[in-house]
N, C-alpha and C. Protein backbone atom coordinates (compact mmCIF):
# COMPACT_ATOMS: atom_id res chain seq x y z
N UNK A 1 138.99 170.92 58.30
CA UNK A 1 138.32 169.91 57.65
C UNK A 1 139.08 168.74 56.92
N UNK A 2 138.62 167.63 57.04
CA UNK A 2 139.00 166.48 56.44
C UNK A 2 138.75 167.04 54.63
N UNK A 3 139.92 166.47 54.14
CA UNK A 3 139.90 166.50 52.82
C UNK A 3 138.95 165.42 52.11
N UNK A 4 138.72 164.33 53.03
CA UNK A 4 137.74 163.28 52.35
C UNK A 4 135.93 163.68 52.55
N UNK A 5 135.76 165.02 53.07
CA UNK A 5 134.35 165.49 53.34
C UNK A 5 133.87 166.10 51.84
N UNK A 6 132.94 165.64 51.26
CA UNK A 6 132.39 166.35 50.21
C UNK A 6 131.79 167.73 50.27
N UNK A 7 132.15 168.58 49.16
CA UNK A 7 131.62 169.91 49.38
C UNK A 7 130.15 170.26 49.70
N UNK A 8 129.54 169.39 49.42
CA UNK A 8 128.05 169.63 49.93
C UNK A 8 127.71 168.81 51.12
N UNK A 9 128.73 168.27 51.70
CA UNK A 9 128.36 167.62 52.94
C UNK A 9 129.00 168.53 53.96
N UNK A 10 128.29 168.94 55.02
CA UNK A 10 129.02 169.63 56.24
C UNK A 10 129.71 168.83 57.55
N UNK A 11 130.69 169.12 57.60
CA UNK A 11 131.54 168.60 58.54
C UNK A 11 130.87 168.52 59.83
N UNK A 12 131.28 167.50 60.63
CA UNK A 12 130.48 167.53 62.16
C UNK A 12 131.64 167.20 63.28
N UNK A 13 131.86 168.18 64.18
CA UNK A 13 132.86 168.02 65.08
C UNK A 13 132.55 166.95 66.09
N UNK A 14 133.51 165.83 66.11
CA UNK A 14 133.29 164.87 67.16
C UNK A 14 134.60 165.14 68.09
N UNK A 15 134.21 165.15 69.50
CA UNK A 15 134.98 165.07 70.60
C UNK A 15 134.90 163.91 71.37
N UNK A 16 136.18 163.40 71.32
CA UNK A 16 136.22 161.98 72.26
C UNK A 16 137.69 161.93 72.75
N UNK A 17 137.64 160.97 73.71
CA UNK A 17 139.18 160.70 74.19
C UNK A 17 139.61 159.26 73.57
N UNK A 18 140.92 159.54 72.94
CA UNK A 18 141.46 158.41 72.35
C UNK A 18 142.75 158.26 73.06
N UNK A 19 142.72 157.03 73.50
CA UNK A 19 143.98 156.50 74.10
C UNK A 19 144.47 157.20 75.32
N UNK A 20 143.49 158.07 75.80
CA UNK A 20 143.89 158.83 76.93
C UNK A 20 143.82 160.31 76.79
N UNK A 21 143.76 160.60 75.27
CA UNK A 21 144.28 161.90 74.95
C UNK A 21 142.86 162.67 74.32
N UNK A 22 142.48 163.73 75.01
CA UNK A 22 141.37 164.43 74.12
C UNK A 22 141.63 164.72 72.62
N UNK A 23 140.67 164.46 71.68
CA UNK A 23 140.99 164.80 70.53
C UNK A 23 139.33 165.34 69.69
N UNK A 24 139.56 165.91 68.90
CA UNK A 24 138.53 166.49 68.07
C UNK A 24 138.80 166.41 66.37
N UNK A 25 137.96 165.71 65.86
CA UNK A 25 137.79 165.47 64.61
C UNK A 25 136.77 166.11 63.86
N UNK A 26 137.00 166.44 62.61
CA UNK A 26 135.89 167.04 61.84
C UNK A 26 135.67 165.88 60.75
N UNK A 27 134.56 165.40 60.90
CA UNK A 27 134.16 164.14 60.02
C UNK A 27 132.76 164.59 59.14
N UNK A 28 132.43 163.99 58.20
CA UNK A 28 131.21 163.67 57.50
C UNK A 28 130.48 162.80 58.30
N UNK A 29 128.99 163.05 58.40
CA UNK A 29 128.28 162.20 58.95
C UNK A 29 128.27 160.62 58.93
N UNK A 30 128.56 160.62 57.62
CA UNK A 30 128.53 159.23 57.52
C UNK A 30 129.98 158.57 57.47
N UNK A 31 130.78 159.02 58.07
CA UNK A 31 132.14 158.40 58.13
C UNK A 31 132.24 157.69 59.19
N UNK A 32 132.78 156.21 59.21
CA UNK A 32 132.84 155.51 60.21
C UNK A 32 133.93 155.92 61.16
N UNK A 33 133.60 155.03 62.36
CA UNK A 33 134.74 155.14 63.49
C UNK A 33 136.13 154.98 63.04
N UNK A 34 136.23 153.78 62.51
CA UNK A 34 137.60 153.16 61.90
C UNK A 34 138.11 154.03 60.63
N UNK A 35 137.16 154.65 59.87
CA UNK A 35 137.94 156.01 58.97
C UNK A 35 138.32 156.76 59.88
N UNK A 36 137.43 157.76 60.81
CA UNK A 36 138.15 158.48 61.25
C UNK A 36 139.63 158.14 62.05
N UNK A 37 139.60 156.97 62.77
CA UNK A 37 140.84 156.50 63.49
C UNK A 37 142.01 156.46 62.46
N UNK A 38 141.68 155.98 61.41
CA UNK A 38 142.80 155.72 60.39
C UNK A 38 143.25 156.93 59.63
N UNK A 39 142.06 157.61 59.28
CA UNK A 39 142.59 158.70 58.26
C UNK A 39 142.66 160.13 58.98
N UNK A 40 142.03 160.45 59.85
CA UNK A 40 142.18 161.48 60.63
C UNK A 40 143.27 161.61 61.93
N UNK A 41 143.29 160.57 62.58
CA UNK A 41 143.95 160.40 63.33
C UNK A 41 145.33 159.52 63.39
N UNK A 42 145.42 158.93 62.25
CA UNK A 42 146.44 158.07 61.72
C UNK A 42 146.83 156.83 62.65
N UNK A 43 145.93 156.52 63.36
CA UNK A 43 145.88 155.15 64.35
C UNK A 43 145.50 153.95 63.08
N UNK A 44 146.50 153.47 62.51
CA UNK A 44 146.55 152.03 61.56
C UNK A 44 146.13 150.93 62.24
N UNK A 45 146.69 150.69 63.37
CA UNK A 45 146.45 149.47 64.03
C UNK A 45 145.12 149.13 63.98
N UNK A 46 144.23 149.62 63.91
CA UNK A 46 142.61 149.59 63.70
C UNK A 46 142.44 149.02 62.10
N UNK A 47 142.39 147.92 61.71
CA UNK A 47 142.05 147.58 60.32
C UNK A 47 140.71 147.65 59.85
N UNK A 48 140.41 147.89 58.62
CA UNK A 48 139.23 148.04 57.74
C UNK A 48 139.17 147.04 57.02
N UNK A 49 138.45 145.75 57.65
CA UNK A 49 138.56 144.42 56.93
C UNK A 49 137.33 144.11 56.14
N UNK A 50 136.41 143.49 56.66
CA UNK A 50 135.17 143.22 56.00
C UNK A 50 134.27 144.48 55.61
N UNK A 51 134.31 145.09 56.36
CA UNK A 51 133.48 146.41 56.75
C UNK A 51 132.13 146.14 56.79
N UNK A 52 131.67 144.79 57.47
CA UNK A 52 130.49 144.34 57.90
C UNK A 52 129.96 143.81 59.14
N UNK A 53 131.48 143.84 60.04
CA UNK A 53 131.56 143.25 61.75
C UNK A 53 131.65 142.06 61.33
N UNK A 54 132.12 141.26 60.48
CA UNK A 54 132.06 140.00 60.65
C UNK A 54 133.50 139.51 60.72
N UNK A 55 134.62 140.27 60.57
CA UNK A 55 136.03 139.58 60.65
C UNK A 55 136.76 139.90 62.09
N UNK A 56 136.36 141.26 62.59
CA UNK A 56 136.87 141.48 63.89
C UNK A 56 138.13 142.23 63.79
N UNK A 57 138.68 142.58 62.78
CA UNK A 57 139.96 143.32 62.45
C UNK A 57 139.62 144.83 62.94
N UNK A 58 138.49 145.02 62.82
CA UNK A 58 138.36 146.75 63.14
C UNK A 58 137.97 147.20 64.88
N UNK A 59 138.22 146.13 65.62
CA UNK A 59 137.81 146.22 66.88
C UNK A 59 138.67 147.10 67.73
N UNK A 60 137.94 147.92 68.41
CA UNK A 60 138.52 148.94 69.53
C UNK A 60 137.56 148.95 70.76
N UNK A 61 138.01 149.45 71.94
CA UNK A 61 137.35 149.61 72.96
C UNK A 61 136.54 151.00 72.74
N UNK A 62 135.18 150.88 73.22
CA UNK A 62 134.56 151.94 73.43
C UNK A 62 134.07 151.85 74.71
N UNK A 63 134.60 152.87 75.62
CA UNK A 63 134.15 152.96 77.02
C UNK A 63 134.08 151.60 77.71
N UNK A 64 135.32 150.89 77.25
CA UNK A 64 135.69 149.74 78.04
C UNK A 64 135.08 148.36 77.30
N UNK A 65 134.55 148.47 76.26
CA UNK A 65 133.81 147.13 75.46
C UNK A 65 134.33 147.19 74.25
N UNK A 66 134.03 145.96 73.54
CA UNK A 66 134.75 145.92 72.36
C UNK A 66 133.73 146.12 71.63
N UNK A 67 134.11 147.01 70.25
CA UNK A 67 132.95 147.27 69.22
C UNK A 67 133.73 147.13 68.02
N UNK A 68 132.72 147.07 67.17
CA UNK A 68 133.42 147.18 65.66
C UNK A 68 133.32 148.44 65.29
N UNK A 69 134.39 149.20 64.91
CA UNK A 69 134.61 150.44 64.56
C UNK A 69 134.18 150.59 62.99
N UNK A 70 134.07 149.61 62.43
CA UNK A 70 133.57 149.72 61.07
C UNK A 70 132.06 149.81 61.22
N UNK A 71 131.46 149.24 61.89
CA UNK A 71 129.94 149.34 62.10
C UNK A 71 129.46 150.53 62.79
N UNK A 72 130.16 151.44 63.13
CA UNK A 72 129.88 152.90 64.04
C UNK A 72 130.06 154.16 63.07
N UNK A 73 129.27 154.92 63.20
CA UNK A 73 129.72 156.22 62.75
C UNK A 73 130.65 156.90 63.64
N UNK A 74 131.49 157.65 63.34
CA UNK A 74 132.14 158.27 64.18
C UNK A 74 131.60 159.15 65.00
N UNK A 75 130.30 159.77 64.58
CA UNK A 75 129.57 160.94 65.63
C UNK A 75 129.05 159.98 66.56
N UNK A 76 129.00 158.69 66.72
CA UNK A 76 128.49 158.05 67.60
C UNK A 76 129.34 157.90 69.04
N UNK A 77 130.49 158.08 68.69
CA UNK A 77 131.57 158.01 69.51
C UNK A 77 131.72 159.37 70.27
N UNK A 78 131.23 160.38 69.83
CA UNK A 78 131.13 161.81 70.42
C UNK A 78 131.05 161.71 72.05
N UNK A 79 132.02 162.15 72.65
CA UNK A 79 132.02 162.04 74.36
C UNK A 79 132.26 160.88 74.77
N UNK A 80 132.89 159.90 74.14
CA UNK A 80 133.00 158.40 74.55
C UNK A 80 134.58 158.22 74.65
N UNK A 81 135.09 157.46 75.39
CA UNK A 81 136.44 157.03 75.34
C UNK A 81 136.87 156.07 74.49
N UNK A 82 137.68 155.93 73.64
CA UNK A 82 138.10 155.16 72.80
C UNK A 82 139.59 154.36 72.95
N UNK A 83 140.06 153.27 73.29
CA UNK A 83 141.08 153.00 73.28
C UNK A 83 141.37 151.85 72.06
N UNK A 84 142.18 152.13 71.31
CA UNK A 84 142.78 151.45 70.25
C UNK A 84 143.94 150.48 70.36
N UNK A 85 144.19 149.56 69.45
CA UNK A 85 145.31 148.71 69.83
C UNK A 85 146.99 149.29 70.06
N UNK A 86 146.71 150.64 69.55
CA UNK A 86 148.20 151.20 69.99
C UNK A 86 148.19 151.93 71.28
N UNK A 87 147.00 152.40 71.77
CA UNK A 87 146.91 152.85 73.38
C UNK A 87 146.88 151.71 74.16
N UNK A 88 146.19 150.58 73.81
CA UNK A 88 146.43 149.48 74.95
C UNK A 88 148.01 149.00 74.96
N UNK A 89 148.69 148.81 73.73
CA UNK A 89 149.83 148.32 73.84
C UNK A 89 150.91 149.44 74.48
N UNK A 90 150.58 150.91 74.34
CA UNK A 90 151.63 151.73 74.68
C UNK A 90 151.53 151.83 76.65
N UNK A 91 150.00 151.70 76.99
CA UNK A 91 149.81 151.42 78.32
C UNK A 91 150.34 150.14 78.84
N UNK A 92 150.91 149.29 78.22
CA UNK A 92 151.36 148.24 78.77
C UNK A 92 149.95 147.02 79.03
N UNK A 93 148.91 147.42 78.99
CA UNK A 93 147.58 146.74 79.54
C UNK A 93 147.63 145.45 78.49
N UNK A 94 148.20 145.04 77.54
CA UNK A 94 148.23 144.14 76.98
C UNK A 94 149.79 143.22 76.55
N UNK A 95 150.66 143.93 77.08
CA UNK A 95 152.17 143.44 76.82
C UNK A 95 152.10 141.95 77.46
N UNK A 96 151.45 141.15 78.25
CA UNK A 96 151.64 139.92 78.25
C UNK A 96 150.97 139.13 77.30
N UNK A 97 149.91 139.61 76.76
CA UNK A 97 149.03 138.89 75.74
C UNK A 97 150.10 139.01 74.55
N UNK A 98 150.69 140.32 74.28
CA UNK A 98 151.33 140.45 72.90
C UNK A 98 152.67 139.37 73.05
N UNK A 99 153.53 139.32 74.28
CA UNK A 99 154.70 138.39 74.37
C UNK A 99 153.91 137.02 74.20
N UNK A 100 152.80 136.47 74.68
CA UNK A 100 152.54 135.16 74.65
C UNK A 100 151.86 134.86 73.06
N UNK A 101 151.37 135.65 72.32
CA UNK A 101 150.98 135.54 71.10
C UNK A 101 152.52 135.53 70.18
N UNK A 102 153.46 136.29 70.46
CA UNK A 102 154.62 136.15 69.75
C UNK A 102 155.32 134.81 70.20
N UNK A 103 155.42 134.51 71.50
CA UNK A 103 156.28 133.44 71.83
C UNK A 103 155.42 132.02 71.28
N UNK A 104 154.36 132.18 71.12
CA UNK A 104 153.61 130.97 70.60
C UNK A 104 153.14 130.84 68.96
N UNK A 105 153.68 131.95 68.58
CA UNK A 105 153.46 132.02 67.23
C UNK A 105 152.05 132.08 66.68
N UNK A 106 151.37 132.76 67.74
CA UNK A 106 149.92 133.10 67.56
C UNK A 106 149.45 134.34 66.58
N UNK A 107 150.23 134.68 65.70
CA UNK A 107 150.22 135.73 64.77
C UNK A 107 151.07 135.23 63.32
N UNK A 108 150.41 135.63 62.49
CA UNK A 108 151.25 135.32 61.11
C UNK A 108 151.53 136.29 60.23
N UNK A 109 150.29 136.79 59.39
CA UNK A 109 150.51 137.85 58.54
C UNK A 109 150.21 139.08 59.63
N UNK A 110 149.39 138.82 60.47
CA UNK A 110 149.23 139.93 61.52
C UNK A 110 148.04 140.88 61.49
N UNK A 111 147.26 140.77 60.42
CA UNK A 111 146.20 141.58 60.06
C UNK A 111 144.98 141.27 61.18
N UNK A 112 144.77 140.31 61.65
CA UNK A 112 143.78 139.94 62.22
C UNK A 112 144.09 140.30 64.05
N UNK A 113 145.39 140.23 63.96
CA UNK A 113 146.25 140.41 65.57
C UNK A 113 145.62 141.42 66.38
N UNK A 114 145.57 142.90 66.12
CA UNK A 114 144.94 143.95 66.87
C UNK A 114 143.51 143.35 67.48
N UNK A 115 142.52 142.88 66.52
CA UNK A 115 141.20 142.44 66.92
C UNK A 115 141.38 141.47 67.78
N UNK A 116 142.31 140.43 67.69
CA UNK A 116 142.01 139.30 68.67
C UNK A 116 142.91 139.89 69.91
N UNK A 117 143.55 140.43 69.98
CA UNK A 117 144.31 141.21 71.13
C UNK A 117 143.01 141.98 72.24
N UNK A 118 142.45 142.74 71.32
CA UNK A 118 141.60 143.57 71.84
C UNK A 118 140.34 142.55 72.46
N UNK A 119 140.02 141.54 71.88
CA UNK A 119 138.81 140.45 72.31
C UNK A 119 139.22 139.90 73.53
N UNK A 120 140.70 139.26 73.36
CA UNK A 120 141.42 138.61 74.42
C UNK A 120 141.16 139.45 75.60
N UNK A 121 141.84 140.56 75.51
CA UNK A 121 141.85 141.61 76.45
C UNK A 121 140.49 141.94 77.18
N UNK A 122 139.44 142.19 76.49
CA UNK A 122 138.09 142.37 77.29
C UNK A 122 137.55 140.87 77.99
N UNK A 123 137.71 139.89 77.42
CA UNK A 123 137.70 138.35 77.84
C UNK A 123 138.11 138.54 79.22
N UNK A 124 139.48 138.49 79.34
CA UNK A 124 140.18 138.51 80.53
C UNK A 124 139.90 139.22 81.63
N UNK A 125 139.28 140.45 81.17
CA UNK A 125 139.12 141.70 82.28
C UNK A 125 137.68 141.08 82.86
N UNK A 126 136.92 140.26 82.07
CA UNK A 126 135.53 139.82 82.49
C UNK A 126 135.70 138.67 83.14
N UNK A 127 136.74 137.76 82.72
CA UNK A 127 136.66 136.30 83.15
C UNK A 127 137.96 135.90 83.34
N UNK A 128 138.64 135.86 84.69
CA UNK A 128 139.68 135.42 84.88
C UNK A 128 140.24 134.41 84.48
N UNK A 129 139.87 133.25 84.51
CA UNK A 129 139.79 131.74 84.04
C UNK A 129 138.96 131.34 83.01
N UNK A 130 139.26 131.88 81.76
CA UNK A 130 137.93 131.16 80.89
C UNK A 130 138.48 129.79 80.47
N UNK A 131 137.49 129.19 79.95
CA UNK A 131 137.58 127.68 79.51
C UNK A 131 138.07 127.92 78.15
N UNK A 132 138.45 126.98 77.35
CA UNK A 132 139.00 127.11 75.89
C UNK A 132 137.71 127.10 75.15
N UNK A 133 136.60 126.52 75.68
CA UNK A 133 135.36 126.90 74.71
C UNK A 133 134.80 128.39 74.99
N UNK A 134 135.24 129.24 76.18
CA UNK A 134 134.86 130.39 76.42
C UNK A 134 135.72 131.37 75.47
N UNK A 135 136.86 131.00 75.56
CA UNK A 135 138.03 131.55 74.61
C UNK A 135 137.61 131.56 73.12
N UNK A 136 137.11 130.46 72.47
CA UNK A 136 136.67 130.06 71.39
C UNK A 136 135.47 131.01 71.25
N UNK A 137 134.57 130.85 71.97
CA UNK A 137 133.54 131.99 71.92
C UNK A 137 133.83 133.44 71.77
N UNK A 138 134.44 133.61 72.45
CA UNK A 138 134.73 134.98 72.49
C UNK A 138 135.45 135.43 71.34
N UNK A 139 136.03 134.64 70.37
CA UNK A 139 137.02 134.78 69.39
C UNK A 139 136.12 134.12 68.15
N UNK A 140 134.89 134.24 68.41
CA UNK A 140 133.86 133.73 67.30
C UNK A 140 133.67 134.97 66.23
N UNK A 141 133.72 136.18 66.56
CA UNK A 141 133.77 137.39 65.37
C UNK A 141 134.72 137.62 64.96
N UNK A 142 136.07 137.08 65.33
CA UNK A 142 137.37 137.27 64.67
C UNK A 142 137.69 136.31 63.80
N UNK A 143 137.99 136.77 62.35
CA UNK A 143 138.23 135.88 61.53
C UNK A 143 139.88 136.06 61.16
N UNK A 144 140.71 134.74 61.20
CA UNK A 144 142.09 134.56 60.85
C UNK A 144 142.20 133.49 59.70
N UNK A 145 143.04 134.11 58.81
CA UNK A 145 143.28 133.03 57.46
C UNK A 145 144.63 132.25 57.75
N UNK A 146 145.14 132.63 58.80
CA UNK A 146 146.56 131.94 58.94
C UNK A 146 146.90 130.97 59.71
N UNK A 147 146.43 131.28 60.91
CA UNK A 147 146.95 130.39 62.27
C UNK A 147 146.29 129.13 62.45
N UNK A 148 145.00 129.25 62.35
CA UNK A 148 144.15 127.82 62.88
C UNK A 148 143.53 128.12 63.73
N UNK A 149 143.91 129.26 64.75
CA UNK A 149 143.32 129.47 66.12
C UNK A 149 143.91 128.79 67.27
N UNK A 150 144.36 127.62 67.12
CA UNK A 150 144.71 127.09 68.32
C UNK A 150 145.92 127.77 68.93
N UNK A 151 147.01 128.33 68.23
CA UNK A 151 148.11 128.97 68.96
C UNK A 151 147.54 130.18 69.77
N UNK A 152 146.48 130.89 69.15
CA UNK A 152 145.80 131.88 69.64
C UNK A 152 145.20 131.52 71.01
N UNK A 153 144.31 130.37 71.05
CA UNK A 153 143.58 130.03 72.06
C UNK A 153 144.56 129.78 73.13
N UNK A 154 145.75 128.91 72.64
CA UNK A 154 146.71 128.82 73.63
C UNK A 154 147.38 129.54 74.27
N UNK A 155 147.64 131.03 73.60
CA UNK A 155 148.24 131.97 74.27
C UNK A 155 147.36 132.68 75.12
N UNK A 156 146.25 132.73 74.98
CA UNK A 156 145.38 133.60 75.59
C UNK A 156 144.95 132.39 76.85
N UNK A 157 144.92 131.29 76.98
CA UNK A 157 144.96 130.41 78.05
C UNK A 157 146.12 130.78 78.91
N UNK A 158 147.08 130.52 78.30
CA UNK A 158 148.50 130.65 79.16
C UNK A 158 148.64 132.08 79.81
N UNK A 159 148.19 133.02 79.19
CA UNK A 159 148.21 134.40 80.03
C UNK A 159 147.03 134.44 80.93
N UNK A 160 145.98 133.72 80.78
CA UNK A 160 145.01 133.78 81.77
C UNK A 160 145.32 132.82 83.14
N UNK A 161 146.23 131.87 82.74
CA UNK A 161 146.80 130.96 83.83
C UNK A 161 147.59 131.85 84.55
N UNK A 162 148.50 132.54 83.75
CA UNK A 162 149.66 133.16 84.46
C UNK A 162 148.85 134.38 85.50
N UNK A 163 148.10 135.21 84.98
CA UNK A 163 147.55 136.03 85.77
C UNK A 163 146.83 135.61 87.16
N UNK A 164 146.35 134.50 86.65
CA UNK A 164 145.39 133.75 88.09
C UNK A 164 146.71 133.59 89.21
N UNK A 165 147.81 132.84 88.48
CA UNK A 165 148.98 132.60 89.53
C UNK A 165 149.54 133.86 90.44
N UNK A 166 149.88 134.87 89.37
CA UNK A 166 150.24 135.81 89.83
C UNK A 166 149.62 136.50 90.69
N UNK A 167 148.18 136.79 90.44
CA UNK A 167 147.15 137.29 91.65
C UNK A 167 147.18 136.39 92.74
N UNK A 168 147.41 135.08 92.76
CA UNK A 168 147.48 134.18 93.98
C UNK A 168 148.78 134.52 94.72
N UNK A 169 149.86 134.76 94.20
CA UNK A 169 151.22 134.62 94.79
C UNK A 169 151.19 136.21 95.49
N UNK A 170 150.19 137.14 94.82
CA UNK A 170 150.31 138.55 95.17
C UNK A 170 149.38 138.58 96.69
N UNK A 171 148.65 137.76 96.43
CA UNK A 171 147.64 137.67 97.93
C UNK A 171 148.42 136.87 98.97
N UNK A 172 148.97 135.78 98.69
CA UNK A 172 149.65 135.30 99.65
C UNK A 172 150.74 136.15 100.24
N UNK A 173 151.54 136.85 99.43
CA UNK A 173 152.54 137.64 99.73
C UNK A 173 151.93 138.70 100.73
N UNK A 174 150.98 139.41 100.42
CA UNK A 174 150.37 140.19 101.32
C UNK A 174 149.82 139.87 102.66
N UNK A 175 149.44 138.47 102.69
CA UNK A 175 148.90 138.09 103.99
C UNK A 175 149.93 137.55 105.04
N UNK A 176 151.22 137.83 104.53
CA UNK A 176 152.30 137.42 105.48
C UNK A 176 152.54 138.60 106.32
């Protein structure tokens, strides 16, 4: 049992897949998913920012869709697949985004970066070549105090272009 659970509150077992591994957590019914990830599983890349779903720092993927982990109770994730920034990074799924964010200095303090990367990853999975306006729209739920967003948008646009070019080269090579 988690030490954060009050004596009067009965723990609930939550079973889900986090970053490809089956896990079980004992949580209070009121514990959020971000609290479970950070406190029970020590996955601290998921940040607790505004705790109102407005800043995007807590974004994770739940069954392939970006969700605000601060707005979900951990019990709502029971049986789901959760991918955090750690899992996406370790799998290499966002390696090109991370490299381009670094190259373009699209991160400064880094607090918003995990949420930005998760949103960018989801956008590029849905739209191969998003317009700058579509990128801005996708990031509208992410708050950054440091960068002014242009470097972030530039990085995402560059990755989209590189992925499209790479896919075209692979198709061309396959047709030979």
